Protein backbone atom coordinates (compact mmCIF):
# COMPACT_ATOMS: atom_id res chain seq x y z
CA UNK A 1 0.00 0.00 0.00
CA UNK A 2 0.96 3.67 -0.27
CA UNK A 3 1.89 5.56 2.93
CA UNK A 4 3.47 8.84 4.02
CA UNK A 5 6.66 8.03 5.93
CA UNK A 6 9.03 9.97 8.17
CA UNK A 7 12.62 9.95 6.92
CA UNK A 8 14.23 12.51 9.20
CA UNK A 9 13.62 16.06 10.40
CA UNK A 10 11.68 17.94 7.74
CA UNK A 11 11.62 14.95 5.41
CA UNK A 12 8.41 13.07 4.57
CA UNK A 13 8.18 10.69 1.60
CA UNK A 14 5.40 8.71 0.01
CA UNK A 15 6.50 5.08 -0.08
CA UNK A 16 5.18 1.59 -0.76
CA UNK A 17 4.94 -0.44 2.46
CA UNK A 18 3.36 -3.80 3.40
CA UNK A 19 -0.37 -3.83 4.00
CA UNK A 20 -1.37 -4.16 7.68
CA UNK A 21 -2.77 -7.46 8.93
CA UNK A 22 -4.80 -8.68 11.90
CA UNK A 23 -2.30 -9.41 14.68
CA UNK A 24 -4.71 -9.80 17.57
CA UNK A 25 -8.33 -11.03 17.61
CA UNK A 26 -9.38 -7.59 18.92
CA UNK A 27 -7.95 -5.81 15.84
CA UNK A 28 -9.74 -4.31 12.87
CA UNK A 29 -8.34 -3.19 9.54
CA UNK A 30 -9.66 0.15 8.28
CA UNK A 31 -9.47 1.50 4.74
CA UNK A 32 -8.58 5.13 5.39
CA UNK A 33 -10.87 7.55 3.57
CA UNK A 34 -9.61 10.81 5.11
CA UNK A 35 -6.59 11.51 7.31
CA UNK A 36 -5.83 14.98 8.61
CA UNK A 37 -2.64 16.72 9.66
CA UNK A 38 -2.46 17.81 13.30
CA UNK A 39 -0.35 20.36 15.12
CA UNK A 40 1.24 17.67 17.24
CA UNK A 41 2.45 15.96 14.05
CA UNK A 42 4.64 19.01 13.50
CA UNK A 43 6.51 18.18 16.70
CA UNK A 44 7.55 14.93 14.99
CA UNK A 45 8.48 16.60 11.72
CA UNK A 46 10.42 19.38 13.47
CA UNK A 47 12.46 16.98 15.59
CA UNK A 48 11.00 17.56 19.05
CA UNK A 49 10.00 13.92 19.60
CA UNK A 50 13.26 11.93 19.57
CA UNK A 51 11.90 8.38 19.29
CA UNK A 52 11.00 8.58 15.60
CA UNK A 53 12.65 6.18 13.15
CA UNK A 54 13.09 6.31 9.39
CA UNK A 55 10.16 4.66 7.65
CA UNK A 56 7.61 5.35 10.40
CA UNK A 57 4.13 6.10 9.03
CA UNK A 58 2.74 9.23 10.64
CA UNK A 59 -0.82 10.54 11.10
CA UNK A 60 -3.38 9.98 13.85
CA UNK A 61 -6.58 11.86 12.93
CA UNK A 62 -8.68 9.75 10.56
CA UNK A 63 -11.89 8.06 9.50
CA UNK A 64 -12.62 5.26 7.08
CA UNK A 65 -14.33 1.96 6.32
CA UNK A 66 -13.96 -1.35 8.14
CA UNK A 67 -12.60 -4.00 5.75
CA UNK A 68 -11.67 -6.78 8.19
CA UNK A 69 -12.25 -7.59 11.87
CA UNK A 70 -10.64 -9.99 14.32
CA UNK A 71 -12.57 -12.87 15.82
CA UNK A 72 -13.18 -11.06 19.14
CA UNK A 73 -14.47 -7.79 17.64
CA UNK A 74 -18.19 -7.59 18.43
CA UNK A 75 -19.32 -4.03 17.71
CA UNK A 76 -18.02 -3.55 14.17
CA UNK A 77 -18.82 -5.14 10.84
CA UNK A 78 -17.22 -5.06 7.44
CA UNK A 79 -18.46 -2.00 5.58
CA UNK A 80 -19.07 0.16 8.65
CA UNK A 81 -18.06 3.80 8.25
CA UNK A 82 -16.11 4.70 11.39
CA UNK A 83 -14.11 7.45 13.05
CA UNK A 84 -11.20 6.24 15.16
CA UNK A 85 -9.89 8.05 18.22
CA UNK A 86 -6.20 8.90 18.01
CA UNK A 87 -5.57 7.46 21.49
CA UNK A 88 -5.44 3.65 21.82
CA UNK A 89 -7.10 2.20 24.93
CA UNK A 90 -7.54 -1.39 26.04
CA UNK A 91 -10.89 -0.83 27.73
CA UNK A 92 -10.02 -3.12 30.63
CA UNK A 93 -7.43 -1.39 32.85
CA UNK A 94 -8.17 0.93 35.77
CA UNK A 95 -7.63 4.06 33.69
CA UNK A 96 -9.79 3.04 30.75
CA UNK A 97 -12.60 2.04 33.10
CA UNK A 98 -12.21 5.46 34.77
CA UNK A 99 -12.60 7.14 31.35
CA UNK A 100 -8.98 8.31 31.44
CA UNK A 101 -8.15 6.60 28.18
CA UNK A 102 -4.88 8.40 27.37
CA UNK A 103 -3.44 6.89 30.58
CA UNK A 104 -4.14 3.29 29.49
CA UNK A 105 -1.80 0.76 31.13
CA UNK A 106 -1.89 -1.81 28.33
CA UNK A 107 -1.91 -0.18 24.90
CA UNK A 108 1.73 0.91 24.73
CA UNK A 109 4.07 -2.02 23.98
CA UNK A 110 7.05 0.30 24.47
CA UNK A 111 5.98 1.41 27.95
CA UNK A 112 9.56 1.34 29.23
CA UNK A 113 10.40 4.37 27.08
CA UNK A 114 7.98 6.92 28.62
CA UNK A 115 8.48 5.32 32.05
CA UNK A 116 12.12 6.43 31.96
CA UNK A 117 11.14 10.02 31.18
CA UNK A 118 7.75 10.44 32.85
CA UNK A 119 7.85 7.85 35.62
CA UNK A 120 4.82 6.02 34.20
CA UNK A 121 3.64 4.48 30.97
CA UNK A 122 1.33 6.38 28.62
CA UNK A 123 -1.26 5.05 26.21
CA UNK A 124 -0.34 4.20 22.65
CA UNK A 125 -1.05 6.79 19.95
CA UNK A 126 -1.31 6.10 16.24
CA UNK A 127 1.68 7.28 14.23
CA UNK A 128 3.27 9.14 17.12
CA UNK A 129 6.77 7.73 17.64
CA UNK A 130 8.03 4.63 19.39
CA UNK A 131 7.71 6.20 22.83
CA UNK A 132 3.96 6.09 22.27
CA UNK A 133 3.86 2.52 21.00
CA UNK A 134 5.44 2.56 17.56
CA UNK A 135 2.05 2.11 15.88
CA UNK A 136 1.74 2.76 12.16
CA UNK A 137 -0.14 5.96 11.46
CA UNK A 138 -3.13 6.92 9.36
CA UNK A 139 -1.48 8.68 6.41
CA UNK A 140 -1.83 5.43 4.51
CA UNK A 141 -4.35 3.48 2.47
CA UNK A 142 -5.02 1.04 5.34
CA UNK A 143 -4.39 0.97 9.09
CA UNK A 144 -4.59 -1.65 11.83
CA UNK A 145 -6.71 -0.54 14.80
CA UNK A 146 -6.01 -2.44 18.06
CA UNK A 147 -8.82 -2.80 20.63
CA UNK A 148 -11.17 -1.80 17.82
CA UNK A 149 -14.38 -2.21 19.81
CA UNK A 150 -13.18 0.57 22.11
CA UNK A 151 -11.52 2.91 19.61
CA UNK A 152 -13.65 2.88 16.45
CA UNK A 153 -17.12 4.47 16.39
CA UNK A 154 -19.75 4.03 13.71
CA UNK A 155 -20.58 7.39 12.12
CA UNK A 156 -24.29 8.29 11.85
CA UNK A 157 -25.51 8.62 8.27
CA UNK A 158 -26.23 12.37 8.43
CA UNK A 159 -22.62 13.25 9.36
CA UNK A 160 -20.28 13.85 6.43
CA UNK A 161 -16.80 12.38 6.14
CA UNK A 162 -15.43 15.93 6.17
CA UNK A 163 -16.92 16.57 9.61
CA UNK A 164 -16.36 13.11 11.06
CA UNK A 165 -12.60 13.05 10.44
CA UNK A 166 -12.02 15.79 13.02
CA UNK A 167 -13.94 13.88 15.70
CA UNK A 168 -10.88 11.63 15.78
CA UNK A 169 -8.70 14.25 17.49
CA UNK A 170 -9.26 18.01 17.03
CA UNK A 171 -12.84 18.06 18.30
CA UNK A 172 -12.36 15.85 21.40
CA UNK A 173 -9.10 17.62 22.25
CA UNK A 174 -10.76 21.02 22.07
CA UNK A 175 -13.81 19.79 23.96
CA UNK A 176 -11.64 18.24 26.67
CA UNK A 177 -9.75 21.52 26.98
CA UNK A 178 -13.03 23.28 27.73
CA UNK A 179 -14.29 20.45 29.92
CA UNK A 180 -11.18 20.68 32.11
CA UNK A 181 -11.42 24.48 32.36
CA UNK A 182 -14.13 24.59 35.06
CA UNK A 183 -16.41 26.68 32.85
CA UNK A 184 -19.62 27.85 34.45
CA UNK A 185 -22.51 29.89 33.03
CA UNK A 186 -21.14 33.36 32.43
CA UNK A 187 -17.45 32.42 32.50
CA UNK A 188 -14.90 34.40 30.51
CA UNK A 189 -12.42 32.08 28.80
CA UNK A 190 -9.15 32.91 27.05
CA UNK A 191 -7.82 30.49 24.43
CA UNK A 192 -4.25 30.70 23.14
CA UNK A 193 -3.93 29.25 19.62
CA UNK A 194 -6.54 29.47 16.86
CA UNK A 195 -5.66 26.33 14.92
CA UNK A 196 -8.04 23.39 14.72
CA UNK A 197 -7.88 22.49 18.42
CA UNK A 198 -8.16 26.12 19.47
CA UNK A 199 -11.24 26.62 17.27
CA UNK A 200 -12.88 23.57 18.82
CA UNK A 201 -11.94 24.75 22.32
CA UNK A 202 -13.62 28.10 21.58
CA UNK A 203 -16.83 26.50 20.34
CA UNK A 204 -16.83 23.94 23.16
CA UNK A 205 -16.40 26.68 25.76
CA UNK A 206 -19.58 28.31 24.46
CA UNK A 207 -21.36 24.94 24.51
CA UNK A 208 -20.43 24.55 28.18
CA UNK A 209 -21.79 27.95 29.15
CA UNK A 210 -19.07 30.56 28.63
CA UNK A 211 -20.45 34.05 28.00
CA UNK A 212 -17.29 35.30 26.30
CA UNK A 213 -14.27 33.64 24.71
CA UNK A 214 -11.16 35.65 23.88
CA UNK A 215 -8.92 34.00 21.27
CA UNK A 216 -5.22 34.82 20.92
CA UNK A 217 -3.03 34.28 17.85
CA UNK A 218 -1.17 36.33 15.24
CA UNK A 219 -2.23 34.63 12.00
CA UNK A 220 -4.85 36.85 10.31
CA UNK A 221 -6.87 34.02 8.74
CA UNK A 222 -7.01 32.04 11.97
CA UNK A 223 -8.09 35.12 13.90
CA UNK A 224 -10.76 35.82 11.29
CA UNK A 225 -12.04 32.25 11.58
CA UNK A 226 -12.09 32.48 15.39
CA UNK A 227 -14.13 35.67 15.18
CA UNK A 228 -16.49 34.95 12.28
CA UNK A 229 -17.07 31.20 12.61
CA UNK A 230 -16.31 30.33 16.23
CA UNK A 231 -17.70 33.55 17.72
CA UNK A 232 -14.72 34.70 19.77
CA UNK A 233 -13.34 38.12 20.48
CA UNK A 234 -9.80 38.12 19.14
CA UNK A 235 -6.39 39.50 20.07
CA UNK A 236 -3.34 39.60 17.80
CA UNK A 237 -0.33 39.12 20.07
CA UNK A 238 1.93 40.78 17.51
CA UNK A 239 -0.07 43.99 17.83
CA UNK A 240 -1.09 44.28 21.48
CA UNK A 241 0.23 43.49 24.94
CA UNK A 242 -1.81 40.41 25.82
CA UNK A 243 -1.66 40.89 29.59
CA UNK A 244 -2.83 44.49 29.39
CA UNK A 245 -5.53 43.67 26.85
CA UNK A 246 -6.96 40.78 28.87
CA UNK A 247 -7.06 42.87 32.03
CA UNK A 248 -8.83 45.67 30.23
CA UNK A 249 -11.35 43.28 28.64
CA UNK A 250 -12.18 41.63 31.98
CA UNK A 251 -12.52 44.67 34.20
CA UNK A 252 -9.05 44.27 35.65
CA UNK A 253 -9.64 40.77 36.99
CA UNK A 254 -8.43 38.40 34.25
CA UNK A 255 -10.16 35.46 32.52
CA UNK A 256 -11.84 32.83 34.68
CA UNK A 257 -10.24 30.07 32.61
CA UNK A 258 -7.19 30.02 30.35
CA UNK A 259 -6.64 27.32 27.72
CA UNK A 260 -3.22 26.53 26.24
CA UNK A 261 -3.92 25.01 22.82
CA UNK A 262 -0.37 25.64 21.56
CA UNK A 263 2.20 23.70 23.58
CA UNK A 264 5.88 23.13 23.02
CA UNK A 265 6.48 25.16 19.85
CA UNK A 266 4.94 28.45 20.95
CA UNK A 267 6.25 31.72 19.55
CA UNK A 268 6.07 35.32 20.70
CA UNK A 269 7.21 38.79 19.77
CA UNK A 270 9.25 39.16 22.97
CA UNK A 271 12.59 38.18 24.42
CA UNK A 272 11.14 35.04 26.02
CA UNK A 273 11.00 33.40 22.57
CA UNK A 274 14.71 33.94 21.97
CA UNK A 275 15.49 32.84 25.54
CA UNK A 276 13.72 29.53 24.95
CA UNK A 277 15.19 29.04 21.48
CA UNK A 278 18.70 29.56 22.84
CA UNK A 279 18.13 27.06 25.66
CA UNK A 280 16.70 24.55 23.18
CA UNK A 281 19.76 24.96 20.98
CA UNK A 282 22.15 24.02 23.79
CA UNK A 283 19.80 21.24 25.00
CA UNK A 284 19.03 22.91 28.34
CA UNK A 285 15.31 22.96 27.55
CA UNK A 286 13.15 20.86 25.24
CA UNK A 287 9.93 22.91 24.98
CA UNK A 288 8.98 26.59 24.68
CA UNK A 289 6.40 27.31 27.43
CA UNK A 290 5.62 30.85 26.29
CA UNK A 291 1.85 30.38 26.30
CA UNK A 292 1.88 28.56 29.64
CA UNK A 293 3.71 31.48 31.27
CA UNK A 294 1.23 33.95 29.77
CA UNK A 295 -1.79 31.92 30.85
CA UNK A 296 -0.57 31.69 34.45
CA UNK A 297 -0.02 35.42 34.72
CA UNK A 298 -3.25 36.32 32.91
CA UNK A 299 -5.63 33.97 34.74
CA UNK A 300 -7.70 35.47 37.52
CA UNK A 301 -7.06 34.52 41.13
CA UNK A 302 -8.65 31.15 41.84
CA UNK A 303 -9.02 30.44 38.13
CA UNK A 304 -8.20 27.37 36.05
CA UNK A 305 -5.45 26.76 33.50
CA UNK A 306 -6.29 23.95 31.04
CA UNK A 307 -3.44 22.56 28.94
CA UNK A 308 -3.96 20.45 25.82
CA UNK A 309 -1.07 21.84 23.76
CA UNK A 310 1.50 19.04 23.80
CA UNK A 311 4.60 19.29 26.00
CA UNK A 312 7.22 16.60 25.71
CA UNK A 313 10.02 17.23 28.15
CA UNK A 314 11.55 20.00 30.27
CA UNK A 315 10.56 23.66 30.50
CA UNK A 316 12.10 26.64 32.25
CA UNK A 317 11.14 29.92 33.93
CA UNK A 318 7.53 28.94 34.66
CA UNK A 319 6.07 31.41 37.21
CA UNK A 320 5.10 28.86 39.85
CA UNK A 321 5.08 31.56 42.51
CA UNK A 322 2.26 33.30 40.68
CA UNK A 323 0.41 30.00 40.18
CA UNK A 324 0.67 29.07 43.85
CA UNK A 325 -0.11 32.45 45.34
CA UNK A 326 -3.03 33.00 42.97
CA UNK A 327 -4.42 29.56 43.95
CA UNK A 328 -4.72 28.43 40.35
CA UNK A 329 -5.98 25.00 39.35
CA UNK A 330 -4.11 23.16 36.60
CA UNK A 331 -5.67 20.44 34.49
CA UNK A 332 -3.99 18.89 31.48
CA UNK A 333 -3.46 15.78 29.41
CA UNK A 334 -3.70 14.01 26.10
CA UNK A 335 -7.34 13.77 25.10
CA UNK A 336 -9.56 10.89 26.19
CA UNK A 337 -11.02 10.07 22.77
CA UNK A 338 -13.32 7.27 23.82
CA UNK A 339 -14.89 9.33 26.62
CA UNK A 340 -15.91 12.17 24.34
CA UNK A 341 -16.50 10.82 20.83
CA UNK A 342 -20.04 9.43 21.41
CA UNK A 343 -21.38 12.73 22.77
CA UNK A 344 -19.52 14.72 20.14
CA UNK A 345 -21.13 12.70 17.35
CA UNK A 346 -24.47 13.64 18.93
CA UNK A 347 -23.48 17.32 18.87
CA UNK A 348 -22.63 16.99 15.17
CA UNK A 349 -25.97 15.26 14.49
CA UNK A 350 -27.89 18.05 16.24
CA UNK A 351 -25.95 20.80 14.49
CA UNK A 352 -24.40 22.20 17.66
CA UNK A 353 -20.96 21.54 16.19
CA UNK A 354 -19.76 21.27 12.60
CA UNK A 355 -15.97 21.11 12.33
CA UNK A 356 -15.93 20.68 8.54
CA UNK A 357 -14.73 24.30 8.13
CA UNK A 358 -11.34 23.13 9.44
CA UNK A 359 -10.75 21.34 6.13
CA UNK A 360 -9.14 24.05 4.02
CA UNK A 361 -6.98 21.93 1.69
CA UNK A 362 -7.61 18.41 0.37
CA UNK A 363 -4.60 16.55 -1.03
CA UNK A 364 -3.26 13.16 -2.06
CA UNK A 365 -0.56 11.28 -0.13
CA UNK A 366 1.85 12.14 -2.95
CA UNK A 367 1.43 15.78 -1.89
CA UNK A 368 2.24 14.94 1.72
CA UNK A 369 5.41 17.01 2.10
CA UNK A 370 3.75 19.98 0.43
CA UNK A 371 0.76 19.69 2.74
CA UNK A 372 2.90 19.59 5.86
CA UNK A 373 5.06 22.45 4.64
CA UNK A 374 1.95 24.60 4.16
CA UNK A 375 0.66 23.56 7.58
CA UNK A 376 3.99 24.30 9.24
CA UNK A 377 3.95 27.79 7.70
CA UNK A 378 0.37 28.40 8.93
CA UNK A 379 -0.89 28.66 5.34
CA UNK A 380 -3.79 26.29 6.03
CA UNK A 381 -6.05 25.43 8.95
CA UNK A 382 -6.01 21.70 8.20
CA UNK A 383 -4.77 19.68 5.24
CA UNK A 384 -6.70 16.44 4.82
CA UNK A 385 -5.22 13.59 2.79
CA UNK A 386 -7.36 11.26 0.69
CA UNK A 387 -5.22 8.10 0.40
CA UNK A 388 -7.29 6.53 -2.38
CA UNK A 389 -6.90 9.57 -4.65
């Protein structure tokens, strides 16, 4: 089959690789119809996730058609149109049963790798390096889905492929960001990052009762989308002082909840960006926590900071004194796909959410490097690959 493979930093190639096969009776094989790029994929491409190997198939946000199921798969049949959560969960361990699917004890066969760095194993993730299981990703014609009864969800007929694909990752990640943010009726929420996850966090915050959402970015098209489609007030951090603007917009108090939808590759117009870049260069820091610092300082006393932007390693100069003395609550994590996908499909059916606007460019796998280059340069909201094209 054809697949988009990692061959080093900044180097993706379309290659011919063996078709996947059933390895476990709980597996299913999916013919991928649509597979989207994701901001966290850029961390792989840009060299911030060290456990990538040449030939790895990337991609983790996808939907498709069931073509084969293992003997113990009960909920799926050949021909079903499904969306698959990017996080792999066994469904049987303590964490899966507690609906904390990204903490699964059993889905990462390379658990020793994150244990060395994080102290504990993490769940497996499709196409996201060997530290997260070494699973083949979705930028391919076919993909093997382990624990398929728990990870693949049949898509209702009135939901289009173009909407369903984002229920794999962007929509549940954005919804989880809002869900963790302790939003109450009337809350004011600030969201850093107006990419796909940020847009879904904005819309989800309104769904959960926020009266105002303030979105922060510097890309004109993303800010326009946040304002005109997602309904946020917007701030361009290249034009205004974010701390001063947020104080002014909230009567001097600060937002009730702050969402970091950016993570380790944040940028800014200030000296903190060059500080972090310099420390990264000499390997004294792995991530750039610019947004995290801003969110801590901006958040009102007693407020909540919700973090879904991916961080991979060590960060520096985080204002913990401010966090502690302001009595902030922190909630964070990789998204729990299986917890949220059923209710999100209901929101799509009812028309409360329609993420199809995120699809701004549709391409073939042969255009993979072009698509990722455009995405890396913020020239598109989301590129979606159609492997059969």
